[in-house]
Amino acid sequence: MAAMRADRLLSLLLLLQNRGRMTAPQLAAELEVSVRTVYRDIEALGAAGVPVCADRGPAGGYRLLDGYRTRLTGLTDAEAGSLFLAGMPGPARELGLGAVLTTAQLKLRAALPAELGEQAARVQERFHLDAPAWFRDAEPVPHLAVVARAVWEQRVLRTRYRRWRGEVRRELRPLGLVLKGGIWYLVAAADGSTAETGAAVRTYRVSRFLEAEAADGGFERPAGFDLAAYWTESSRRLEEALHRGTARLRLSPRGRKLLPMLFGAAGARALEAAGPPGGDGWAEVELAVESEAVAVGDLLRLGTEAEVLGPDGLRRAVAEAVAVLARRYAAGPP
């Protein structure tokens, strides 16, 4: 507890040193504590001889006496590791490293020469990484911090996991975490399997863990396991498994603009391989699609900007869906 408070006092001191005047609510938000705790910490800094000045009024706040600087900027192990999440405050906070990352960044900036410190501040002001996709709320991941600790400490995880076909209990050997499009995934091997071969490694969506508890026992991480390489290969296999067929389409000029927006990389590849548009502005493309049932719904999102030319079964399925919609809307509201 004393060590935690010492770290927080140093963070408060570095915030005032790097940012200048700050109010108690601003400091509380940065340190993830209450305003009352900030007041107590300010008193503690003053008692330790740090010249903290309090300016009253609408433009007031706390600041350090002009010219005062500290060089107590050594990084702890956790702070050094958290720097790899710099620029990703949201994911760092979800992993339980938000305050640690803030302290690490403050220490790093305090240790830099003035010119480099100002340049780092300009980069932070001008560039921001927002990982989640548009129009999607962040998934609740109540067990993420537990999972992340198990990954870091190489501890076996006892879990209850929700699959499409029901719930299962598994003991997992967690090998890494991946953030993809705002969604957290755990890469792990079922305990007792041959993870060294790579064949038993699986991907689990963290939001589907209903229970997660780190066991006392650890495990040996498979030698040579490459998380980035596994994820790249796994993503390729998933895309191949999902895209089981090819649809031939005619697209209007607007349809061609919509295709990569609605179908991502598959849509972009289809446009790259497409021939030139005809005299009416429409062009034919071949698009990798999922199963027929899924493809019908996906292709209907293009509305009147597309026509399915083939395969025949897919064209008939889309025509039937459109006919059902036409009859439903022709009948008027219920």
Protein backbone atom coordinates (compact mmCIF):
# COMPACT_ATOMS: atom_id res chain seq x y z
CA MET A 1 0.00 0.00 0.00
CA ALA A 2 2.82 2.39 0.89
CA ALA A 3 4.55 1.60 -2.42
CA MET A 4 1.32 2.30 -4.31
CA ARG A 5 0.98 5.68 -2.63
CA ALA A 6 4.62 6.53 -3.31
CA ASP A 7 4.09 5.76 -7.01
CA ARG A 8 0.96 7.92 -7.02
CA LEU A 9 2.74 10.85 -5.37
CA LEU A 10 5.49 10.64 -7.98
CA SER A 11 2.86 10.53 -10.74
CA LEU A 12 1.18 13.62 -9.29
CA LEU A 13 4.52 15.42 -9.11
CA LEU A 14 5.36 14.52 -12.72
CA LEU A 15 1.93 15.63 -13.92
CA LEU A 16 2.47 19.08 -12.43
CA GLN A 17 6.03 19.20 -13.76
CA ASN A 18 5.09 18.22 -17.34
CA ARG A 19 1.72 19.91 -17.75
CA GLY A 20 1.88 22.92 -15.48
CA ARG A 21 -1.16 24.12 -13.57
CA MET A 22 -3.88 21.47 -13.06
CA THR A 23 -7.05 21.42 -10.97
CA ALA A 24 -7.80 18.77 -8.35
CA PRO A 25 -10.55 17.16 -10.52
CA GLN A 26 -8.12 16.99 -13.47
CA LEU A 27 -5.47 15.33 -11.31
CA ALA A 28 -8.04 12.91 -9.87
CA ALA A 29 -9.12 11.88 -13.37
CA GLU A 30 -5.53 11.27 -14.50
CA LEU A 31 -4.59 9.31 -11.38
CA GLU A 32 -7.93 7.45 -11.19
CA VAL A 33 -8.51 8.46 -7.57
CA SER A 34 -10.97 10.71 -5.72
CA VAL A 35 -10.55 14.49 -5.41
CA ARG A 36 -10.23 14.03 -1.63
CA THR A 37 -7.25 11.71 -2.22
CA VAL A 38 -5.63 14.40 -4.41
CA TYR A 39 -5.99 16.93 -1.58
CA ARG A 40 -4.27 14.52 0.83
CA ASP A 41 -1.49 13.79 -1.68
CA ILE A 42 -0.88 17.51 -2.29
CA GLU A 43 -0.47 17.98 1.48
CA ALA A 44 1.94 15.02 1.59
CA LEU A 45 4.07 16.51 -1.20
CA GLY A 46 4.20 19.83 0.63
CA ALA A 47 5.22 18.09 3.85
CA ALA A 48 8.02 16.35 1.92
CA GLY A 49 9.41 19.69 0.79
CA VAL A 50 7.99 19.83 -2.74
CA PRO A 51 6.99 23.46 -3.48
CA VAL A 52 3.38 23.02 -4.67
CA CYS A 53 1.50 26.29 -5.05
CA ALA A 54 -2.30 26.57 -4.97
CA ASP A 55 -3.80 29.33 -7.14
CA ARG A 56 -7.40 30.22 -6.34
CA GLY A 57 -10.10 31.47 -8.68
CA PRO A 58 -11.71 30.24 -11.93
CA ALA A 59 -8.31 29.85 -13.61
CA GLY A 60 -6.68 28.40 -10.51
CA GLY A 61 -5.26 25.03 -9.66
CA TYR A 62 -2.07 23.47 -8.39
CA ARG A 63 1.36 24.13 -9.88
CA LEU A 64 5.01 23.72 -8.95
CA LEU A 65 7.09 26.72 -7.97
CA ASP A 66 8.77 28.10 -11.10
CA GLY A 67 12.06 26.34 -11.84
CA TYR A 68 11.42 23.28 -9.67
CA ARG A 69 12.07 19.93 -11.38
CA THR A 70 12.56 16.37 -10.17
CA ARG A 71 14.76 13.71 -11.75
CA LEU A 72 13.18 10.72 -9.94
CA THR A 73 12.26 9.10 -13.22
CA GLY A 74 13.36 5.46 -13.05
CA LEU A 75 10.89 3.08 -14.72
CA THR A 76 9.59 0.02 -12.90
CA ASP A 77 9.27 -3.30 -14.77
CA ALA A 78 5.51 -2.84 -15.16
CA GLU A 79 5.91 0.73 -16.42
CA ALA A 80 8.55 -0.28 -18.96
CA GLY A 81 6.32 -3.06 -20.27
CA SER A 82 3.30 -0.77 -20.48
CA LEU A 83 5.12 1.60 -22.86
CA PHE A 84 4.39 -0.86 -25.67
CA LEU A 85 0.75 0.23 -25.29
CA ALA A 86 1.61 3.91 -25.70
CA GLY A 87 -0.98 5.58 -27.91
CA MET A 88 -3.62 3.03 -26.84
CA PRO A 89 -4.96 4.39 -23.52
CA GLY A 90 -8.30 2.57 -23.88
CA PRO A 91 -6.84 -0.94 -24.28
CA ALA A 92 -4.24 -0.20 -21.60
CA ARG A 93 -7.03 0.78 -19.20
CA GLU A 94 -8.98 -2.41 -20.05
CA LEU A 95 -5.86 -4.44 -19.22
CA GLY A 96 -5.60 -2.70 -15.84
CA LEU A 97 -2.49 -0.77 -16.93
CA GLY A 98 -3.98 2.70 -17.42
CA ALA A 99 -2.39 4.35 -14.39
CA VAL A 100 0.88 2.45 -14.92
CA LEU A 101 1.10 3.64 -18.53
CA THR A 102 0.39 7.24 -17.53
CA THR A 103 3.17 7.16 -14.94
CA ALA A 104 5.61 5.57 -17.40
CA GLN A 105 4.92 8.21 -20.03
CA LEU A 106 5.31 11.00 -17.49
CA LYS A 107 8.65 9.61 -16.30
CA LEU A 108 9.88 9.19 -19.84
CA ARG A 109 8.96 12.74 -20.79
CA ALA A 110 10.52 14.14 -17.61
CA ALA A 111 13.79 12.39 -18.43
CA LEU A 112 13.93 13.78 -21.98
CA PRO A 113 15.74 17.00 -22.86
CA ALA A 114 13.33 19.93 -23.13
CA GLU A 115 13.34 19.97 -26.95
CA LEU A 116 12.59 16.24 -27.27
CA GLY A 117 9.97 16.48 -24.53
CA GLU A 118 8.15 19.19 -26.46
CA GLN A 119 8.33 17.12 -29.65
CA ALA A 120 6.87 14.08 -27.84
CA ALA A 121 4.05 16.26 -26.52
CA ARG A 122 3.29 17.52 -30.05
CA VAL A 123 3.09 13.95 -31.36
CA GLN A 124 0.68 13.03 -28.55
CA GLU A 125 -1.45 16.09 -29.32
CA ARG A 126 -1.62 15.38 -33.06
CA PHE A 127 -1.93 11.59 -33.37
CA HIS A 128 -4.42 9.27 -31.71
CA LEU A 129 -5.13 5.57 -32.27
CA ASP A 130 -8.79 4.54 -31.90
CA ALA A 131 -8.88 0.73 -32.14
CA PRO A 132 -12.64 -0.07 -32.12
CA ALA A 133 -14.57 -0.15 -35.39
CA TRP A 134 -17.18 2.50 -36.22
CA PHE A 135 -20.73 2.21 -34.86
CA ARG A 136 -19.83 -0.53 -32.40
CA ASP A 137 -19.93 -0.21 -28.64
CA ALA A 138 -16.99 -1.70 -26.79
CA GLU A 139 -17.69 -5.24 -25.61
CA PRO A 140 -17.84 -5.79 -21.86
CA VAL A 141 -14.75 -7.79 -20.87
CA PRO A 142 -14.99 -8.19 -17.09
CA HIS A 143 -12.39 -10.98 -17.02
CA LEU A 144 -9.79 -9.29 -19.23
CA ALA A 145 -7.51 -8.18 -16.40
CA VAL A 146 -7.45 -11.72 -14.94
CA VAL A 147 -6.74 -13.19 -18.37
CA ALA A 148 -3.98 -10.64 -19.01
CA ARG A 149 -2.27 -11.44 -15.71
CA ALA A 150 -2.39 -15.14 -16.51
CA VAL A 151 -0.80 -14.45 -19.90
CA TRP A 152 1.94 -12.37 -18.30
CA GLU A 153 2.64 -14.78 -15.42
CA GLN A 154 2.24 -17.99 -17.50
CA ARG A 155 -0.48 -19.28 -15.21
CA VAL A 156 -3.05 -21.91 -16.19
CA LEU A 157 -6.56 -20.44 -16.54
CA ARG A 158 -9.67 -22.23 -15.29
CA THR A 159 -12.51 -20.93 -17.42
CA ARG A 160 -16.17 -21.28 -18.28
CA TYR A 161 -16.70 -20.26 -21.90
CA ARG A 162 -19.85 -19.58 -23.93
CA ARG A 163 -19.82 -21.23 -27.36
CA TRP A 164 -22.55 -21.28 -30.00
CA ARG A 165 -23.51 -24.80 -28.94
CA GLY A 166 -23.49 -24.13 -25.21
CA GLU A 167 -21.10 -23.59 -22.32
CA VAL A 168 -17.87 -25.51 -21.69
CA ARG A 169 -15.33 -25.58 -18.88
CA ARG A 170 -11.70 -25.54 -19.96
CA GLU A 171 -8.27 -25.29 -18.42
CA LEU A 172 -6.22 -23.17 -20.78
CA ARG A 173 -2.57 -22.31 -21.19
CA PRO A 174 -2.77 -18.64 -22.26
CA LEU A 175 -0.16 -17.67 -24.85
CA GLY A 176 -1.15 -14.13 -25.83
CA LEU A 177 -3.84 -11.47 -26.24
CA VAL A 178 -4.84 -9.82 -29.53
CA LEU A 179 -6.96 -6.69 -30.00
CA LYS A 180 -8.69 -6.84 -33.40
CA GLY A 181 -11.21 -4.18 -34.44
CA GLY A 182 -11.90 -3.29 -30.81
CA ILE A 183 -12.47 -6.94 -29.81
CA TRP A 184 -10.12 -8.82 -27.47
CA TYR A 185 -9.09 -12.40 -28.28
CA LEU A 186 -7.10 -14.88 -26.19
CA VAL A 187 -4.75 -17.26 -27.97
CA ALA A 188 -4.37 -20.37 -25.81
CA ALA A 189 -3.93 -24.13 -25.74
CA ALA A 190 -6.15 -26.50 -23.79
CA ASP A 191 -4.18 -27.74 -20.80
CA GLY A 192 -2.67 -31.16 -21.40
CA SER A 193 -2.62 -30.81 -25.20
CA THR A 194 0.47 -30.66 -27.35
CA ALA A 195 0.74 -26.89 -27.78
CA GLU A 196 4.36 -27.32 -28.87
CA THR A 197 3.13 -28.58 -32.24
CA GLY A 198 0.91 -25.56 -32.70
CA ALA A 199 -1.96 -27.86 -33.70
CA ALA A 200 -3.90 -27.45 -30.44
CA VAL A 201 -3.67 -23.67 -30.17
CA ARG A 202 -7.08 -21.98 -30.42
CA THR A 203 -8.53 -18.49 -30.34
CA TYR A 204 -11.11 -17.47 -27.72
CA ARG A 205 -13.18 -14.28 -27.65
CA VAL A 206 -12.55 -12.75 -24.23
CA SER A 207 -16.07 -11.30 -23.89
CA ARG A 208 -17.44 -14.88 -23.95
CA PHE A 209 -15.61 -15.95 -20.81
CA LEU A 210 -18.26 -16.34 -18.10
CA GLU A 211 -15.65 -17.28 -15.50
CA ALA A 212 -11.87 -16.99 -15.45
CA GLU A 213 -9.55 -17.80 -12.59
CA ALA A 214 -5.79 -18.18 -12.57
CA ALA A 215 -4.70 -21.53 -11.10
CA ASP A 216 -1.70 -21.93 -8.82
CA GLY A 217 0.20 -23.96 -11.37
CA GLY A 218 2.20 -22.48 -14.22
CA PHE A 219 3.17 -23.98 -17.56
CA GLU A 220 6.06 -23.96 -19.99
CA ARG A 221 5.50 -21.65 -22.93
CA PRO A 222 6.09 -23.56 -26.21
CA ALA A 223 9.54 -22.73 -27.56
CA GLY A 224 9.48 -20.59 -30.65
CA PHE A 225 5.77 -19.74 -30.49
CA ASP A 226 5.22 -16.50 -32.46
CA LEU A 227 1.97 -14.76 -31.56
CA ALA A 228 1.97 -12.41 -34.57
CA ALA A 229 2.70 -15.25 -37.01
CA TYR A 230 -0.01 -17.43 -35.45
CA TRP A 231 -2.57 -14.62 -35.72
CA THR A 232 -1.73 -13.90 -39.36
CA GLU A 233 -2.05 -17.56 -40.33
CA SER A 234 -5.18 -18.04 -38.22
CA SER A 235 -6.83 -15.01 -39.83
CA ARG A 236 -5.99 -16.34 -43.30
CA ARG A 237 -7.48 -19.74 -42.50
CA LEU A 238 -10.62 -18.16 -41.10
CA GLU A 239 -11.12 -16.02 -44.19
CA GLU A 240 -10.65 -19.03 -46.45
CA ALA A 241 -13.12 -21.08 -44.40
CA LEU A 242 -15.74 -18.34 -44.46
CA HIS A 243 -15.41 -17.41 -48.13
CA ARG A 244 -16.58 -20.66 -49.63
CA GLY A 245 -17.87 -19.34 -52.95
CA THR A 246 -17.71 -16.56 -55.51
CA ALA A 247 -20.56 -14.31 -56.61
CA ARG A 248 -20.64 -12.55 -59.99
CA LEU A 249 -22.16 -9.09 -59.69
CA ARG A 250 -23.00 -6.05 -61.79
CA LEU A 251 -22.36 -2.88 -59.86
CA SER A 252 -23.41 0.71 -60.45
CA PRO A 253 -20.83 3.47 -59.88
CA ARG A 254 -22.22 3.94 -56.36
CA GLY A 255 -22.23 0.16 -55.84
CA ARG A 256 -18.51 0.07 -56.59
CA LYS A 257 -17.93 2.69 -53.89
CA LEU A 258 -20.04 0.70 -51.42
CA LEU A 259 -18.34 -2.64 -52.06
CA PRO A 260 -15.14 -2.12 -49.99
CA MET A 261 -17.13 -0.34 -47.30
CA LEU A 262 -19.51 -3.30 -46.87
CA PHE A 263 -17.19 -6.21 -47.69
CA GLY A 264 -13.79 -4.95 -46.50
CA ALA A 265 -10.69 -6.56 -48.01
CA ALA A 266 -12.76 -9.00 -50.11
CA GLY A 267 -14.58 -6.08 -51.70
CA ALA A 268 -11.35 -4.20 -52.35
CA ARG A 269 -9.79 -7.25 -54.03
CA ALA A 270 -12.90 -7.72 -56.19
CA LEU A 271 -12.65 -4.13 -57.44
CA GLU A 272 -8.94 -4.46 -58.21
CA ALA A 273 -9.60 -7.46 -60.45
CA ALA A 274 -12.71 -5.97 -62.11
CA GLY A 275 -12.81 -5.01 -65.76
CA PRO A 276 -13.65 -1.51 -67.01
CA PRO A 277 -17.27 -0.30 -66.68
CA GLY A 278 -19.59 -0.45 -69.67
CA GLY A 279 -21.26 2.42 -71.44
CA ASP A 280 -23.94 2.60 -68.71
CA GLY A 281 -21.28 2.94 -65.98
CA TRP A 282 -21.95 -0.53 -64.55
CA ALA A 283 -19.09 -3.02 -64.12
CA GLU A 284 -18.89 -6.75 -63.45
CA VAL A 285 -16.91 -8.09 -60.47
CA GLU A 286 -16.30 -11.45 -58.83
CA LEU A 287 -16.68 -11.29 -55.05
CA ALA A 288 -15.67 -13.94 -52.51
CA VAL A 289 -18.73 -14.70 -50.36
CA GLU A 290 -19.70 -16.91 -47.46
CA SER A 291 -22.39 -19.60 -47.52
CA GLU A 292 -25.44 -18.91 -49.67
CA ALA A 293 -27.66 -18.04 -46.68
CA VAL A 294 -25.14 -15.49 -45.40
CA ALA A 295 -24.34 -14.15 -48.88
CA VAL A 296 -28.00 -13.33 -49.60
CA GLY A 297 -28.22 -11.04 -46.59
CA ASP A 298 -24.84 -9.48 -47.30
CA LEU A 299 -25.60 -8.78 -50.97
CA LEU A 300 -29.01 -7.27 -50.19
CA ARG A 301 -27.15 -4.50 -48.36
CA LEU A 302 -26.08 -3.22 -51.77
CA GLY A 303 -29.75 -2.57 -52.54
CA THR A 304 -30.53 -1.39 -56.05
CA GLU A 305 -26.87 -0.65 -56.75
CA ALA A 306 -26.09 -4.29 -57.62
CA GLU A 307 -27.42 -7.25 -59.60
CA VAL A 308 -26.38 -10.83 -58.86
CA LEU A 309 -25.49 -12.58 -62.13
CA GLY A 310 -24.41 -15.93 -60.69
CA PRO A 311 -24.14 -18.61 -59.58
CA ASP A 312 -27.71 -19.48 -60.54
CA GLY A 313 -28.61 -20.74 -57.07
CA LEU A 314 -27.46 -17.52 -55.42
CA ARG A 315 -29.29 -15.39 -57.99
CA ARG A 316 -32.53 -17.34 -57.37
CA ALA A 317 -32.10 -17.04 -53.59
CA VAL A 318 -31.65 -13.26 -53.83
CA ALA A 319 -34.64 -12.99 -56.21
CA GLU A 320 -36.80 -14.97 -53.77
CA ALA A 321 -35.78 -12.75 -50.86
CA VAL A 322 -36.57 -9.62 -52.90
CA ALA A 323 -39.96 -11.09 -53.91
CA VAL A 324 -40.84 -11.75 -50.26
CA LEU A 325 -39.95 -8.16 -49.39
CA ALA A 326 -41.97 -6.84 -52.33
CA ARG A 327 -45.09 -8.79 -51.27
CA ARG A 328 -44.66 -7.73 -47.64
CA TYR A 329 -44.43 -4.05 -48.44
CA ALA A 330 -47.12 -4.18 -51.16
CA ALA A 331 -49.60 -5.39 -48.58
CA GLY A 332 -49.19 -2.23 -46.54
CA PRO A 333 -48.57 -1.93 -42.77
CA PRO A 334 -50.39 -4.45 -40.52
